[in-house]
């Protein structure tokens, strides 16, 4: 791979990374009782809790579901990042630890 190809690949990867960062991913738990939206930058953008699914005695369960929904969204962002790098590089490892 020559320098020009490497620069093109890096530019493509940077554009794809920017698109990923502007994408939102939704994590859910409890069959949709808790929905959490996370950006491609791993920032929590929104949390929705179905009030019909919980009462005051269910707070501990709700806390567990919020964490589960966050983990679900985090996994989706991580998977999307791995696919982005794999697609951009054709599965090649980039020199210098670029990604």
C-alpha atoms as a PDB file:
ATOM      1  CA  UNK A   1       0.000   0.000   0.000  1.00  0.00           C
ATOM      2  CA  UNK A   2       1.497   3.321  -1.024  1.00  0.00           C
ATOM      3  CA  UNK A   3       1.172   6.606   0.815  1.00  0.00           C
ATOM      4  CA  UNK A   4      -1.573   7.961  -1.466  1.00  0.00           C
ATOM      5  CA  UNK A   5      -3.729   4.863  -0.892  1.00  0.00           C
ATOM      6  CA  UNK A   6      -3.139   5.095   2.847  1.00  0.00           C
ATOM      7  CA  UNK A   7      -4.157   8.773   2.884  1.00  0.00           C
ATOM      8  CA  UNK A   8      -7.301   8.003   0.876  1.00  0.00           C
ATOM      9  CA  UNK A   9      -8.188   5.187   3.256  1.00  0.00           C
ATOM     10  CA  UNK A  10      -7.594   7.447   6.257  1.00  0.00           C
ATOM     11  CA  UNK A  11      -9.829  10.190   4.789  1.00  0.00           C
ATOM     12  CA  UNK A  12     -12.554   7.630   4.058  1.00  0.00           C
ATOM     13  CA  UNK A  13     -12.274   6.253   7.577  1.00  0.00           C
ATOM     14  CA  UNK A  14     -12.475   9.743   9.113  1.00  0.00           C
ATOM     15  CA  UNK A  15     -15.629  10.526   7.097  1.00  0.00           C
ATOM     16  CA  UNK A  16     -17.211   7.233   8.134  1.00  0.00           C
ATOM     17  CA  UNK A  17     -16.250   7.867  11.774  1.00  0.00           C
ATOM     18  CA  UNK A  18     -17.912  11.296  11.629  1.00  0.00           C
ATOM     19  CA  UNK A  19     -21.084   9.727  10.211  1.00  0.00           C
ATOM     20  CA  UNK A  20     -21.025   7.097  12.957  1.00  0.00           C
ATOM     21  CA  UNK A  21     -20.631   9.761  15.650  1.00  0.00           C
ATOM     22  CA  UNK A  22     -23.734  11.530  14.296  1.00  0.00           C
ATOM     23  CA  UNK A  23     -25.796   8.321  14.380  1.00  0.00           C
ATOM     24  CA  UNK A  24     -27.953   7.364  17.363  1.00  0.00           C
ATOM     25  CA  UNK A  25     -28.275   3.792  18.621  1.00  0.00           C
ATOM     26  CA  UNK A  26     -31.161   2.512  20.720  1.00  0.00           C
ATOM     27  CA  UNK A  27     -30.741   0.047  23.559  1.00  0.00           C
ATOM     28  CA  UNK A  28     -33.729  -1.566  25.243  1.00  0.00           C
ATOM     29  CA  UNK A  29     -34.459  -3.681  28.293  1.00  0.00           C
ATOM     30  CA  UNK A  30     -37.521  -5.263  29.834  1.00  0.00           C
ATOM     31  CA  UNK A  31     -39.222  -5.764  26.486  1.00  0.00           C
ATOM     32  CA  UNK A  32     -39.171  -2.029  25.823  1.00  0.00           C
ATOM     33  CA  UNK A  33     -40.000  -0.917  29.366  1.00  0.00           C
ATOM     34  CA  UNK A  34     -36.715   1.018  29.269  1.00  0.00           C
ATOM     35  CA  UNK A  35     -35.312   2.550  26.077  1.00  0.00           C
ATOM     36  CA  UNK A  36     -32.031   4.400  25.982  1.00  0.00           C
ATOM     37  CA  UNK A  37     -30.585   6.268  23.006  1.00  0.00           C
ATOM     38  CA  UNK A  38     -26.802   6.655  22.708  1.00  0.00           C
ATOM     39  CA  UNK A  39     -24.814   8.591  20.132  1.00  0.00           C
ATOM     40  CA  UNK A  40     -21.925   7.130  18.189  1.00  0.00           C
ATOM     41  CA  UNK A  41     -19.740   9.067  20.651  1.00  0.00           C
ATOM     42  CA  UNK A  42     -21.110   6.914  23.506  1.00  0.00           C
ATOM     43  CA  UNK A  43     -23.102   9.844  24.911  1.00  0.00           C
ATOM     44  CA  UNK A  44     -26.534   9.063  26.341  1.00  0.00           C
ATOM     45  CA  UNK A  45     -28.931  11.244  24.372  1.00  0.00           C
ATOM     46  CA  UNK A  46     -32.302  10.100  25.696  1.00  0.00           C
ATOM     47  CA  UNK A  47     -33.886   7.750  28.224  1.00  0.00           C
ATOM     48  CA  UNK A  48     -37.530   6.661  28.062  1.00  0.00           C
ATOM     49  CA  UNK A  49     -39.228   4.688  30.822  1.00  0.00           C
ATOM     50  CA  UNK A  50     -42.705   3.253  30.377  1.00  0.00           C
ATOM     51  CA  UNK A  51     -44.520   4.443  33.519  1.00  0.00           C
ATOM     52  CA  UNK A  52     -47.022   1.603  33.170  1.00  0.00           C
ATOM     53  CA  UNK A  53     -44.217  -0.943  33.611  1.00  0.00           C
ATOM     54  CA  UNK A  54     -43.064   0.217  37.052  1.00  0.00           C
ATOM     55  CA  UNK A  55     -44.331   1.298  40.428  1.00  0.00           C
ATOM     56  CA  UNK A  56     -42.467   2.712  43.421  1.00  0.00           C
ATOM     57  CA  UNK A  57     -41.560  -0.776  44.673  1.00  0.00           C
ATOM     58  CA  UNK A  58     -39.869  -1.612  41.364  1.00  0.00           C
ATOM     59  CA  UNK A  59     -37.103   1.008  41.573  1.00  0.00           C
ATOM     60  CA  UNK A  60     -34.318  -1.588  41.979  1.00  0.00           C
ATOM     61  CA  UNK A  61     -35.594  -3.447  38.915  1.00  0.00           C
ATOM     62  CA  UNK A  62     -35.823  -0.176  36.987  1.00  0.00           C
ATOM     63  CA  UNK A  63     -32.203   0.672  37.857  1.00  0.00           C
ATOM     64  CA  UNK A  64     -31.094  -2.741  36.569  1.00  0.00           C
ATOM     65  CA  UNK A  65     -33.039  -2.247  33.347  1.00  0.00           C
ATOM     66  CA  UNK A  66     -31.543   1.207  32.745  1.00  0.00           C
ATOM     67  CA  UNK A  67     -28.058  -0.303  33.063  1.00  0.00           C
ATOM     68  CA  UNK A  68     -29.058  -3.169  30.750  1.00  0.00           C
ATOM     69  CA  UNK A  69     -30.424  -0.755  28.142  1.00  0.00           C
ATOM     70  CA  UNK A  70     -27.209   1.306  28.353  1.00  0.00           C
ATOM     71  CA  UNK A  71     -25.134  -1.845  27.870  1.00  0.00           C
ATOM     72  CA  UNK A  72     -27.291  -2.827  24.881  1.00  0.00           C
ATOM     73  CA  UNK A  73     -26.784   0.603  23.259  1.00  0.00           C
ATOM     74  CA  UNK A  74     -23.044   0.573  24.079  1.00  0.00           C
ATOM     75  CA  UNK A  75     -22.698  -2.822  22.397  1.00  0.00           C
ATOM     76  CA  UNK A  76     -24.473  -1.536  19.274  1.00  0.00           C
ATOM     77  CA  UNK A  77     -22.150   1.488  19.042  1.00  0.00           C
ATOM     78  CA  UNK A  78     -19.075  -0.702  19.567  1.00  0.00           C
ATOM     79  CA  UNK A  79     -20.247  -3.185  16.908  1.00  0.00           C
ATOM     80  CA  UNK A  80     -20.882  -0.330  14.450  1.00  0.00           C
ATOM     81  CA  UNK A  81     -17.376   1.053  15.077  1.00  0.00           C
ATOM     82  CA  UNK A  82     -15.785  -2.349  14.495  1.00  0.00           C
ATOM     83  CA  UNK A  83     -17.744  -2.809  11.253  1.00  0.00           C
ATOM     84  CA  UNK A  84     -16.753   0.682  10.126  1.00  0.00           C
ATOM     85  CA  UNK A  85     -13.044  -0.003  10.600  1.00  0.00           C
ATOM     86  CA  UNK A  86     -13.283  -3.457   9.043  1.00  0.00           C
ATOM     87  CA  UNK A  87     -15.177  -2.149   5.998  1.00  0.00           C
ATOM     88  CA  UNK A  88     -12.896   0.846   5.540  1.00  0.00           C
ATOM     89  CA  UNK A  89      -9.700  -1.155   5.742  1.00  0.00           C
ATOM     90  CA  UNK A  90     -10.873  -4.352   4.111  1.00  0.00           C
ATOM     91  CA  UNK A  91      -9.921  -6.162   7.319  1.00  0.00           C
ATOM     92  CA  UNK A  92      -6.307  -4.915   7.121  1.00  0.00           C
ATOM     93  CA  UNK A  93      -4.508  -3.659  10.195  1.00  0.00           C
ATOM     94  CA  UNK A  94      -3.369  -0.084   9.689  1.00  0.00           C
ATOM     95  CA  UNK A  95       0.253   0.766  10.502  1.00  0.00           C
ATOM     96  CA  UNK A  96       1.018   2.995  13.460  1.00  0.00           C
ATOM     97  CA  UNK A  97      -2.087   2.025  15.408  1.00  0.00           C
ATOM     98  CA  UNK A  98      -4.390   4.347  13.446  1.00  0.00           C
ATOM     99  CA  UNK A  99      -7.370   2.221  14.580  1.00  0.00           C
END
